[in-house]
């Protein structure tokens, strides 16, 4: 299994609607329910989301995110980078 950092950079916030937000939450929530998301966060300035996911390869990650509602509606762009995890806190459940 590989790990990826997903940066969702907001390029056109004026295009975002409440309905689109609901679609986004439902769509990305599916990945969370599958246990493939370590965490997802939004920067305080609301400019970028940051998510860490696991998948077999980067192509699978791109296939998922290119169908995401904000991406389809030109609200944001995604940068996806594979991570090389060196170490981690074995008690991650107490972090969030």
PDB file of N, CA and C in Angstrom:
ATOM      1  N   UNK A   1       0.839  -1.177   0.000  1.00  0.00           N
ATOM      2  CA  UNK A   1       0.000   0.000   0.000  1.00  0.00           C
ATOM      3  C   UNK A   1       0.883   1.238   0.000  1.00  0.00           C
ATOM      4  N   UNK A   2       0.489   2.255  -0.757  1.00  0.00           N
ATOM      5  CA  UNK A   2       1.223   3.517  -0.832  1.00  0.00           C
ATOM      6  C   UNK A   2       0.396   4.622  -0.177  1.00  0.00           C
ATOM      7  N   UNK A   3       1.077   5.705   0.170  1.00  0.00           N
ATOM      8  CA  UNK A   3       0.430   6.835   0.835  1.00  0.00           C
ATOM      9  C   UNK A   3       0.631   8.092   0.005  1.00  0.00           C
ATOM     10  N   UNK A   4      -0.414   8.945  -0.023  1.00  0.00           N
ATOM     11  CA  UNK A   4      -0.392  10.127  -0.875  1.00  0.00           C
ATOM     12  C   UNK A   4      -0.889  11.351  -0.124  1.00  0.00           C
ATOM     13  N   UNK A   5      -0.237  12.479  -0.408  1.00  0.00           N
ATOM     14  CA  UNK A   5      -0.676  13.777   0.086  1.00  0.00           C
ATOM     15  C   UNK A   5      -1.486  14.427  -1.024  1.00  0.00           C
ATOM     16  N   UNK A   6      -2.724  14.787  -0.721  1.00  0.00           N
ATOM     17  CA  UNK A   6      -3.604  15.442  -1.689  1.00  0.00           C
ATOM     18  C   UNK A   6      -3.766  16.889  -1.249  1.00  0.00           C
ATOM     19  N   UNK A   7      -3.373  17.829  -2.106  1.00  0.00           N
ATOM     20  CA  UNK A   7      -3.575  19.250  -1.830  1.00  0.00           C
ATOM     21  C   UNK A   7      -4.630  19.756  -2.796  1.00  0.00           C
ATOM     22  N   UNK A   8      -5.746  20.199  -2.247  1.00  0.00           N
ATOM     23  CA  UNK A   8      -6.817  20.779  -3.058  1.00  0.00           C
ATOM     24  C   UNK A   8      -6.705  22.290  -2.980  1.00  0.00           C
ATOM     25  N   UNK A   9      -6.176  22.910  -4.009  1.00  0.00           N
ATOM     26  CA  UNK A   9      -5.908  24.353  -4.013  1.00  0.00           C
ATOM     27  C   UNK A   9      -7.094  25.077  -4.633  1.00  0.00           C
ATOM     28  N   UNK A  10      -7.733  25.899  -3.835  1.00  0.00           N
ATOM     29  CA  UNK A  10      -8.930  26.614  -4.280  1.00  0.00           C
ATOM     30  C   UNK A  10      -8.515  27.714  -5.252  1.00  0.00           C
ATOM     31  N   UNK A  11      -9.034  27.634  -6.473  1.00  0.00           N
ATOM     32  CA  UNK A  11      -8.698  28.613  -7.504  1.00  0.00           C
ATOM     33  C   UNK A  11      -9.861  29.545  -7.824  1.00  0.00           C
ATOM     34  N   UNK A  12     -11.086  29.062  -7.620  1.00  0.00           N
ATOM     35  CA  UNK A  12     -12.274  29.878  -7.921  1.00  0.00           C
ATOM     36  C   UNK A  12     -13.334  29.687  -6.838  1.00  0.00           C
ATOM     37  N   UNK A  13     -13.114  30.279  -5.646  1.00  0.00           N
ATOM     38  CA  UNK A  13     -14.075  30.091  -4.550  1.00  0.00           C
ATOM     39  C   UNK A  13     -15.461  30.651  -4.868  1.00  0.00           C
ATOM     40  N   UNK A  14     -15.516  31.614  -5.754  1.00  0.00           N
ATOM     41  CA  UNK A  14     -16.800  32.221  -6.101  1.00  0.00           C
ATOM     42  C   UNK A  14     -17.730  31.244  -6.825  1.00  0.00           C
ATOM     43  N   UNK A  15     -17.192  30.156  -7.336  1.00  0.00           N
ATOM     44  CA  UNK A  15     -18.004  29.162  -8.044  1.00  0.00           C
ATOM     45  C   UNK A  15     -18.623  28.126  -7.100  1.00  0.00           C
ATOM     46  N   UNK A  16     -18.186  28.114  -5.849  1.00  0.00           N
ATOM     47  CA  UNK A  16     -18.656  27.112  -4.897  1.00  0.00           C
ATOM     48  C   UNK A  16     -20.084  27.416  -4.460  1.00  0.00           C
ATOM     49  N   UNK A  17     -20.924  26.385  -4.416  1.00  0.00           N
ATOM     50  CA  UNK A  17     -22.305  26.524  -3.960  1.00  0.00           C
ATOM     51  C   UNK A  17     -22.549  25.559  -2.795  1.00  0.00           C
ATOM     52  N   UNK A  18     -23.637  25.757  -2.070  1.00  0.00           N
ATOM     53  CA  UNK A  18     -23.972  24.860  -0.973  1.00  0.00           C
ATOM     54  C   UNK A  18     -24.242  23.446  -1.481  1.00  0.00           C
ATOM     55  N   UNK A  19     -24.941  23.344  -2.619  1.00  0.00           N
ATOM     56  CA  UNK A  19     -25.220  22.026  -3.191  1.00  0.00           C
ATOM     57  C   UNK A  19     -23.927  21.313  -3.585  1.00  0.00           C
ATOM     58  N   UNK A  20     -23.002  22.066  -4.144  1.00  0.00           N
ATOM     59  CA  UNK A  20     -21.716  21.496  -4.537  1.00  0.00           C
ATOM     60  C   UNK A  20     -20.948  21.015  -3.303  1.00  0.00           C
ATOM     61  N   UNK A  21     -21.039  21.773  -2.208  1.00  0.00           N
ATOM     62  CA  UNK A  21     -20.373  21.384  -0.967  1.00  0.00           C
ATOM     63  C   UNK A  21     -20.939  20.059  -0.454  1.00  0.00           C
ATOM     64  N   UNK A  22     -22.257  19.918  -0.517  1.00  0.00           N
ATOM     65  CA  UNK A  22     -22.886  18.666  -0.089  1.00  0.00           C
ATOM     66  C   UNK A  22     -22.432  17.500  -0.969  1.00  0.00           C
ATOM     67  N   UNK A  23     -22.367  17.721  -2.276  1.00  0.00           N
ATOM     68  CA  UNK A  23     -21.908  16.680  -3.202  1.00  0.00           C
ATOM     69  C   UNK A  23     -20.459  16.300  -2.890  1.00  0.00           C
ATOM     70  N   UNK A  24     -19.636  17.309  -2.643  1.00  0.00           N
ATOM     71  CA  UNK A  24     -18.225  17.081  -2.297  1.00  0.00           C
ATOM     72  C   UNK A  24     -18.113  16.235  -1.027  1.00  0.00           C
ATOM     73  N   UNK A  25     -18.852  16.596   0.010  1.00  0.00           N
ATOM     74  CA  UNK A  25     -18.788  15.880   1.275  1.00  0.00           C
ATOM     75  C   UNK A  25     -19.270  14.439   1.123  1.00  0.00           C
ATOM     76  N   UNK A  26     -20.307  14.245   0.346  1.00  0.00           N
ATOM     77  CA  UNK A  26     -20.819  12.893   0.116  1.00  0.00           C
ATOM     78  C   UNK A  26     -19.804  12.062  -0.675  1.00  0.00           C
ATOM     79  N   UNK A  27     -19.244  12.669  -1.719  1.00  0.00           N
ATOM     80  CA  UNK A  27     -18.292  11.950  -2.572  1.00  0.00           C
ATOM     81  C   UNK A  27     -17.026  11.586  -1.804  1.00  0.00           C
ATOM     82  N   UNK A  28     -16.410  12.549  -1.153  1.00  0.00           N
ATOM     83  CA  UNK A  28     -15.163  12.288  -0.447  1.00  0.00           C
ATOM     84  C   UNK A  28     -15.401  11.484   0.829  1.00  0.00           C
ATOM     85  N   UNK A  29     -16.594  11.599   1.402  1.00  0.00           N
ATOM     86  CA  UNK A  29     -16.941  10.808   2.582  1.00  0.00           C
ATOM     87  C   UNK A  29     -16.901   9.316   2.296  1.00  0.00           C
ATOM     88  N   UNK A  30     -17.163   8.937   1.056  1.00  0.00           N
ATOM     89  CA  UNK A  30     -17.095   7.531   0.669  1.00  0.00           C
ATOM     90  C   UNK A  30     -15.700   6.969   0.851  1.00  0.00           C
ATOM     91  N   UNK A  31     -14.707   7.758   0.501  1.00  0.00           N
ATOM     92  CA  UNK A  31     -13.310   7.333   0.666  1.00  0.00           C
ATOM     93  C   UNK A  31     -12.978   7.159   2.153  1.00  0.00           C
ATOM     94  N   UNK A  32     -13.523   8.060   2.965  1.00  0.00           N
ATOM     95  CA  UNK A  32     -13.312   7.979   4.411  1.00  0.00           C
ATOM     96  C   UNK A  32     -13.950   6.697   4.959  1.00  0.00           C
ATOM     97  N   UNK A  33     -15.159   6.413   4.530  1.00  0.00           N
ATOM     98  CA  UNK A  33     -15.870   5.220   5.003  1.00  0.00           C
ATOM     99  C   UNK A  33     -15.150   3.935   4.602  1.00  0.00           C
ATOM    100  N   UNK A  34     -14.432   3.970   3.490  1.00  0.00           N
ATOM    101  CA  UNK A  34     -13.664   2.807   3.038  1.00  0.00           C
ATOM    102  C   UNK A  34     -12.370   2.632   3.837  1.00  0.00           C
ATOM    103  N   UNK A  35     -12.073   3.585   4.726  1.00  0.00           N
ATOM    104  CA  UNK A  35     -10.867   3.503   5.540  1.00  0.00           C
ATOM    105  C   UNK A  35      -9.599   3.885   4.807  1.00  0.00           C
ATOM    106  N   UNK A  36      -9.732   4.670   3.744  1.00  0.00           N
ATOM    107  CA  UNK A  36      -8.565   5.028   2.938  1.00  0.00           C
ATOM    108  C   UNK A  36      -8.013   6.420   3.246  1.00  0.00           C
ATOM    109  N   UNK A  37      -8.658   7.144   4.162  1.00  0.00           N
ATOM    110  CA  UNK A  37      -8.228   8.500   4.509  1.00  0.00           C
ATOM    111  C   UNK A  37      -7.696   8.507   5.934  1.00  0.00           C
ATOM    112  N   UNK A  38      -6.458   8.953   6.111  1.00  0.00           N
ATOM    113  CA  UNK A  38      -5.901   9.117   7.450  1.00  0.00           C
ATOM    114  C   UNK A  38      -6.516  10.349   8.096  1.00  0.00           C
ATOM    115  N   UNK A  39      -6.474  11.470   7.373  1.00  0.00           N
ATOM    116  CA  UNK A  39      -7.132  12.694   7.832  1.00  0.00           C
ATOM    117  C   UNK A  39      -7.317  13.632   6.662  1.00  0.00           C
ATOM    118  N   UNK A  40      -8.215  14.583   6.859  1.00  0.00           N
ATOM    119  CA  UNK A  40      -8.440  15.642   5.883  1.00  0.00           C
ATOM    120  C   UNK A  40      -8.616  16.930   6.659  1.00  0.00           C
ATOM    121  N   UNK A  41      -8.041  18.006   6.149  1.00  0.00           N
ATOM    122  CA  UNK A  41      -8.065  19.274   6.861  1.00  0.00           C
ATOM    123  C   UNK A  41      -8.121  20.427   5.871  1.00  0.00           C
ATOM    124  N   UNK A  42      -8.548  21.558   6.363  1.00  0.00           N
ATOM    125  CA  UNK A  42      -8.565  22.783   5.570  1.00  0.00           C
ATOM    126  C   UNK A  42      -7.654  23.791   6.259  1.00  0.00           C
ATOM    127  N   UNK A  43      -6.805  24.450   5.490  1.00  0.00           N
ATOM    128  CA  UNK A  43      -5.958  25.486   6.081  1.00  0.00           C
ATOM    129  C   UNK A  43      -6.850  26.595   6.647  1.00  0.00           C
ATOM    130  N   UNK A  44      -6.356  27.271   7.679  1.00  0.00           N
ATOM    131  CA  UNK A  44      -7.138  28.340   8.318  1.00  0.00           C
ATOM    132  C   UNK A  44      -7.578  29.425   7.348  1.00  0.00           C
ATOM    133  N   UNK A  45      -6.773  29.704   6.339  1.00  0.00           N
ATOM    134  CA  UNK A  45      -7.135  30.766   5.397  1.00  0.00           C
ATOM    135  C   UNK A  45      -8.087  30.268   4.296  1.00  0.00           C
ATOM    136  N   UNK A  46      -8.494  28.979   4.384  1.00  0.00           N
ATOM    137  CA  UNK A  46      -9.468  28.375   3.461  1.00  0.00           C
ATOM    138  C   UNK A  46      -8.958  28.275   2.022  1.00  0.00           C
ATOM    139  N   UNK A  47      -7.655  28.385   1.824  1.00  0.00           N
ATOM    140  CA  UNK A  47      -7.096  28.379   0.471  1.00  0.00           C
ATOM    141  C   UNK A  47      -6.801  26.987  -0.060  1.00  0.00           C
ATOM    142  N   UNK A  48      -6.623  26.030   0.848  1.00  0.00           N
ATOM    143  CA  UNK A  48      -6.150  24.705   0.443  1.00  0.00           C
ATOM    144  C   UNK A  48      -6.644  23.651   1.417  1.00  0.00           C
ATOM    145  N   UNK A  49      -7.070  22.516   0.863  1.00  0.00           N
ATOM    146  CA  UNK A  49      -7.346  21.356   1.709  1.00  0.00           C
ATOM    147  C   UNK A  49      -6.137  20.430   1.641  1.00  0.00           C
ATOM    148  N   UNK A  50      -5.923  19.678   2.705  1.00  0.00           N
ATOM    149  CA  UNK A  50      -4.819  18.741   2.782  1.00  0.00           C
ATOM    150  C   UNK A  50      -5.389  17.408   3.270  1.00  0.00           C
ATOM    151  N   UNK A  51      -5.132  16.355   2.519  1.00  0.00           N
ATOM    152  CA  UNK A  51      -5.658  15.037   2.851  1.00  0.00           C
ATOM    153  C   UNK A  51      -4.553  14.008   2.652  1.00  0.00           C
ATOM    154  N   UNK A  52      -4.492  13.034   3.536  1.00  0.00           N
ATOM    155  CA  UNK A  52      -3.566  11.920   3.376  1.00  0.00           C
ATOM    156  C   UNK A  52      -4.401  10.661   3.152  1.00  0.00           C
ATOM    157  N   UNK A  53      -4.139   9.984   2.039  1.00  0.00           N
ATOM    158  CA  UNK A  53      -4.880   8.773   1.685  1.00  0.00           C
ATOM    159  C   UNK A  53      -3.912   7.631   1.393  1.00  0.00           C
ATOM    160  N   UNK A  54      -4.467   6.426   1.424  1.00  0.00           N
ATOM    161  CA  UNK A  54      -3.675   5.261   1.015  1.00  0.00           C
ATOM    162  C   UNK A  54      -4.367   4.602  -0.168  1.00  0.00           C
ATOM    163  N   UNK A  55      -3.555   4.085  -1.070  1.00  0.00           N
ATOM    164  CA  UNK A  55      -4.062   3.429  -2.278  1.00  0.00           C
ATOM    165  C   UNK A  55      -2.958   2.569  -2.863  1.00  0.00           C
ATOM    166  N   UNK A  56      -3.346   1.713  -3.780  1.00  0.00           N
ATOM    167  CA  UNK A  56      -2.375   0.828  -4.440  1.00  0.00           C
ATOM    168  C   UNK A  56      -1.386   1.613  -5.306  1.00  0.00           C
ATOM    169  N   UNK A  57      -1.900   2.646  -5.998  1.00  0.00           N
ATOM    170  CA  UNK A  57      -1.013   3.465  -6.829  1.00  0.00           C
ATOM    171  C   UNK A  57      -1.653   4.825  -7.096  1.00  0.00           C
ATOM    172  N   UNK A  58      -0.839   5.720  -7.640  1.00  0.00           N
ATOM    173  CA  UNK A  58      -1.272   7.103  -7.867  1.00  0.00           C
ATOM    174  C   UNK A  58      -2.406   7.193  -8.885  1.00  0.00           C
ATOM    175  N   UNK A  59      -2.421   6.307  -9.852  1.00  0.00           N
ATOM    176  CA  UNK A  59      -3.476   6.323 -10.865  1.00  0.00           C
ATOM    177  C   UNK A  59      -4.859   6.169 -10.217  1.00  0.00           C
ATOM    178  N   UNK A  60      -4.970   5.294  -9.240  1.00  0.00           N
ATOM    179  CA  UNK A  60      -6.243   5.094  -8.535  1.00  0.00           C
ATOM    180  C   UNK A  60      -6.667   6.384  -7.830  1.00  0.00           C
ATOM    181  N   UNK A  61      -5.715   7.064  -7.223  1.00  0.00           N
ATOM    182  CA  UNK A  61      -6.005   8.321  -6.525  1.00  0.00           C
ATOM    183  C   UNK A  61      -6.495   9.373  -7.514  1.00  0.00           C
ATOM    184  N   UNK A  62      -5.789   9.509  -8.641  1.00  0.00           N
ATOM    185  CA  UNK A  62      -6.202  10.484  -9.655  1.00  0.00           C
ATOM    186  C   UNK A  62      -7.585  10.160 -10.222  1.00  0.00           C
ATOM    187  N   UNK A  63      -7.856   8.877 -10.443  1.00  0.00           N
ATOM    188  CA  UNK A  63      -9.166   8.478 -10.972  1.00  0.00           C
ATOM    189  C   UNK A  63     -10.279   8.909 -10.026  1.00  0.00           C
ATOM    190  N   UNK A  64     -10.033   8.816  -8.741  1.00  0.00           N
ATOM    191  CA  UNK A  64     -11.025   9.253  -7.758  1.00  0.00           C
ATOM    192  C   UNK A  64     -11.180  10.773  -7.773  1.00  0.00           C
ATOM    193  N   UNK A  65     -10.082  11.496  -7.659  1.00  0.00           N
ATOM    194  CA  UNK A  65     -10.158  12.949  -7.500  1.00  0.00           C
ATOM    195  C   UNK A  65     -10.545  13.684  -8.779  1.00  0.00           C
ATOM    196  N   UNK A  66     -10.339  13.106  -9.937  1.00  0.00           N
ATOM    197  CA  UNK A  66     -10.756  13.813 -11.161  1.00  0.00           C
ATOM    198  C   UNK A  66     -12.276  13.788 -11.342  1.00  0.00           C
ATOM    199  N   UNK A  67     -12.983  13.002 -10.517  1.00  0.00           N
ATOM    200  CA  UNK A  67     -14.448  12.956 -10.546  1.00  0.00           C
ATOM    201  C   UNK A  67     -15.071  13.717  -9.378  1.00  0.00           C
ATOM    202  N   UNK A  68     -14.243  14.339  -8.572  1.00  0.00           N
ATOM    203  CA  UNK A  68     -14.700  15.058  -7.386  1.00  0.00           C
ATOM    204  C   UNK A  68     -15.429  16.336  -7.822  1.00  0.00           C
ATOM    205  N   UNK A  69     -16.588  16.679  -7.206  1.00  0.00           N
ATOM    206  CA  UNK A  69     -17.408  17.810  -7.645  1.00  0.00           C
ATOM    207  C   UNK A  69     -16.701  19.165  -7.731  1.00  0.00           C
ATOM    208  N   UNK A  70     -15.854  19.520  -6.767  1.00  0.00           N
ATOM    209  CA  UNK A  70     -15.155  20.808  -6.845  1.00  0.00           C
ATOM    210  C   UNK A  70     -14.207  20.845  -8.040  1.00  0.00           C
ATOM    211  N   UNK A  71     -13.557  19.733  -8.304  1.00  0.00           N
ATOM    212  CA  UNK A  71     -12.643  19.640  -9.441  1.00  0.00           C
ATOM    213  C   UNK A  71     -13.422  19.752 -10.750  1.00  0.00           C
ATOM    214  N   UNK A  72     -14.526  19.027 -10.843  1.00  0.00           N
ATOM    215  CA  UNK A  72     -15.344  19.048 -12.066  1.00  0.00           C
ATOM    216  C   UNK A  72     -15.925  20.425 -12.362  1.00  0.00           C
ATOM    217  N   UNK A  73     -16.150  21.217 -11.300  1.00  0.00           N
ATOM    218  CA  UNK A  73     -16.753  22.538 -11.460  1.00  0.00           C
ATOM    219  C   UNK A  73     -15.738  23.679 -11.380  1.00  0.00           C
ATOM    220  N   UNK A  74     -14.460  23.351 -11.542  1.00  0.00           N
ATOM    221  CA  UNK A  74     -13.399  24.352 -11.627  1.00  0.00           C
ATOM    222  C   UNK A  74     -13.295  25.238 -10.382  1.00  0.00           C
ATOM    223  N   UNK A  75     -13.589  24.660  -9.211  1.00  0.00           N
ATOM    224  CA  UNK A  75     -13.448  25.385  -7.954  1.00  0.00           C
ATOM    225  C   UNK A  75     -12.016  25.254  -7.441  1.00  0.00           C
ATOM    226  N   UNK A  76     -11.416  24.083  -7.696  1.00  0.00           N
ATOM    227  CA  UNK A  76     -10.049  23.859  -7.228  1.00  0.00           C
ATOM    228  C   UNK A  76      -9.298  22.939  -8.168  1.00  0.00           C
ATOM    229  N   UNK A  77      -8.011  22.879  -7.920  1.00  0.00           N
ATOM    230  CA  UNK A  77      -7.148  21.929  -8.626  1.00  0.00           C
ATOM    231  C   UNK A  77      -6.505  21.037  -7.566  1.00  0.00           C
ATOM    232  N   UNK A  78      -6.081  19.866  -7.974  1.00  0.00           N
ATOM    233  CA  UNK A  78      -5.435  18.950  -7.044  1.00  0.00           C
ATOM    234  C   UNK A  78      -3.977  18.739  -7.413  1.00  0.00           C
ATOM    235  N   UNK A  79      -3.144  18.707  -6.379  1.00  0.00           N
ATOM    236  CA  UNK A  79      -1.761  18.272  -6.501  1.00  0.00           C
ATOM    237  C   UNK A  79      -1.664  17.001  -5.666  1.00  0.00           C
ATOM    238  N   UNK A  80      -1.180  15.938  -6.265  1.00  0.00           N
ATOM    239  CA  UNK A  80      -1.064  14.657  -5.579  1.00  0.00           C
ATOM    240  C   UNK A  80       0.400  14.235  -5.564  1.00  0.00           C
ATOM    241  N   UNK A  81       0.900  13.932  -4.371  1.00  0.00           N
ATOM    242  CA  UNK A  81       2.296  13.535  -4.199  1.00  0.00           C
ATOM    243  C   UNK A  81       2.362  12.245  -3.393  1.00  0.00           C
ATOM    244  N   UNK A  82       3.174  11.302  -3.853  1.00  0.00           N
ATOM    245  CA  UNK A  82       3.375  10.090  -3.077  1.00  0.00           C
ATOM    246  C   UNK A  82       4.286  10.401  -1.893  1.00  0.00           C
ATOM    247  N   UNK A  83       3.959   9.829  -0.740  1.00  0.00           N
ATOM    248  CA  UNK A  83       4.748  10.022   0.467  1.00  0.00           C
ATOM    249  C   UNK A  83       5.595   8.781   0.741  1.00  0.00           C
ATOM    250  N   UNK A  84       6.759   9.004   1.283  1.00  0.00           N
ATOM    251  CA  UNK A  84       7.615   7.913   1.758  1.00  0.00           C
ATOM    252  C   UNK A  84       7.632   8.028   3.286  1.00  0.00           C
ATOM    253  N   UNK A  85       6.759   7.295   3.947  1.00  0.00           N
ATOM    254  CA  UNK A  85       6.629   7.392   5.401  1.00  0.00           C
ATOM    255  C   UNK A  85       7.835   6.715   6.054  1.00  0.00           C
ATOM    256  N   UNK A  86       8.543   7.484   6.864  1.00  0.00           N
ATOM    257  CA  UNK A  86       9.717   6.963   7.554  1.00  0.00           C
ATOM    258  C   UNK A  86       9.344   6.431   8.935  1.00  0.00           C
ATOM    259  N   UNK A  87       8.533   7.170   9.636  1.00  0.00           N
ATOM    260  CA  UNK A  87       8.043   6.725  10.924  1.00  0.00           C
ATOM    261  C   UNK A  87       6.741   7.435  11.231  1.00  0.00           C
ATOM    262  N   UNK A  88       6.031   6.923  12.208  1.00  0.00           N
ATOM    263  CA  UNK A  88       4.735   7.491  12.586  1.00  0.00           C
ATOM    264  C   UNK A  88       4.490   7.211  14.059  1.00  0.00           C
ATOM    265  N   UNK A  89       3.563   7.922  14.612  1.00  0.00           N
ATOM    266  CA  UNK A  89       3.174   7.740  15.991  1.00  0.00           C
ATOM    267  C   UNK A  89       2.280   6.507  16.078  1.00  0.00           C
ATOM    268  N   UNK A  90       2.648   5.493  16.841  1.00  0.00           N
ATOM    269  CA  UNK A  90       1.837   4.279  16.907  1.00  0.00           C
ATOM    270  C   UNK A  90       0.489   4.506  17.603  1.00  0.00           C
ATOM    271  N   UNK A  91       0.314   5.643  18.246  1.00  0.00           N
ATOM    272  CA  UNK A  91      -0.924   5.944  18.969  1.00  0.00           C
ATOM    273  C   UNK A  91      -1.685   7.062  18.265  1.00  0.00           C
ATOM    274  N   UNK A  92      -1.835   6.963  16.962  1.00  0.00           N
ATOM    275  CA  UNK A  92      -2.450   8.030  16.164  1.00  0.00           C
ATOM    276  C   UNK A  92      -3.891   8.331  16.582  1.00  0.00           C
ATOM    277  N   UNK A  93      -4.601   7.353  17.103  1.00  0.00           N
ATOM    278  CA  UNK A  93      -6.009   7.570  17.470  1.00  0.00           C
ATOM    279  C   UNK A  93      -6.173   8.675  18.503  1.00  0.00           C
ATOM    280  N   UNK A  94      -5.150   8.939  19.286  1.00  0.00           N
ATOM    281  CA  UNK A  94      -5.240   9.992  20.293  1.00  0.00           C
ATOM    282  C   UNK A  94      -4.837  11.368  19.775  1.00  0.00           C
ATOM    283  N   UNK A  95      -4.503  11.461  18.512  1.00  0.00           N
ATOM    284  CA  UNK A  95      -4.124  12.737  17.923  1.00  0.00           C
ATOM    285  C   UNK A  95      -5.328  13.557  17.502  1.00  0.00           C
ATOM    286  N   UNK A  96      -6.405  12.908  17.096  1.00  0.00           N
ATOM    287  CA  UNK A  96      -7.530  13.646  16.527  1.00  0.00           C
ATOM    288  C   UNK A  96      -8.766  13.472  17.384  1.00  0.00           C
TER     289      UNK A  96
END
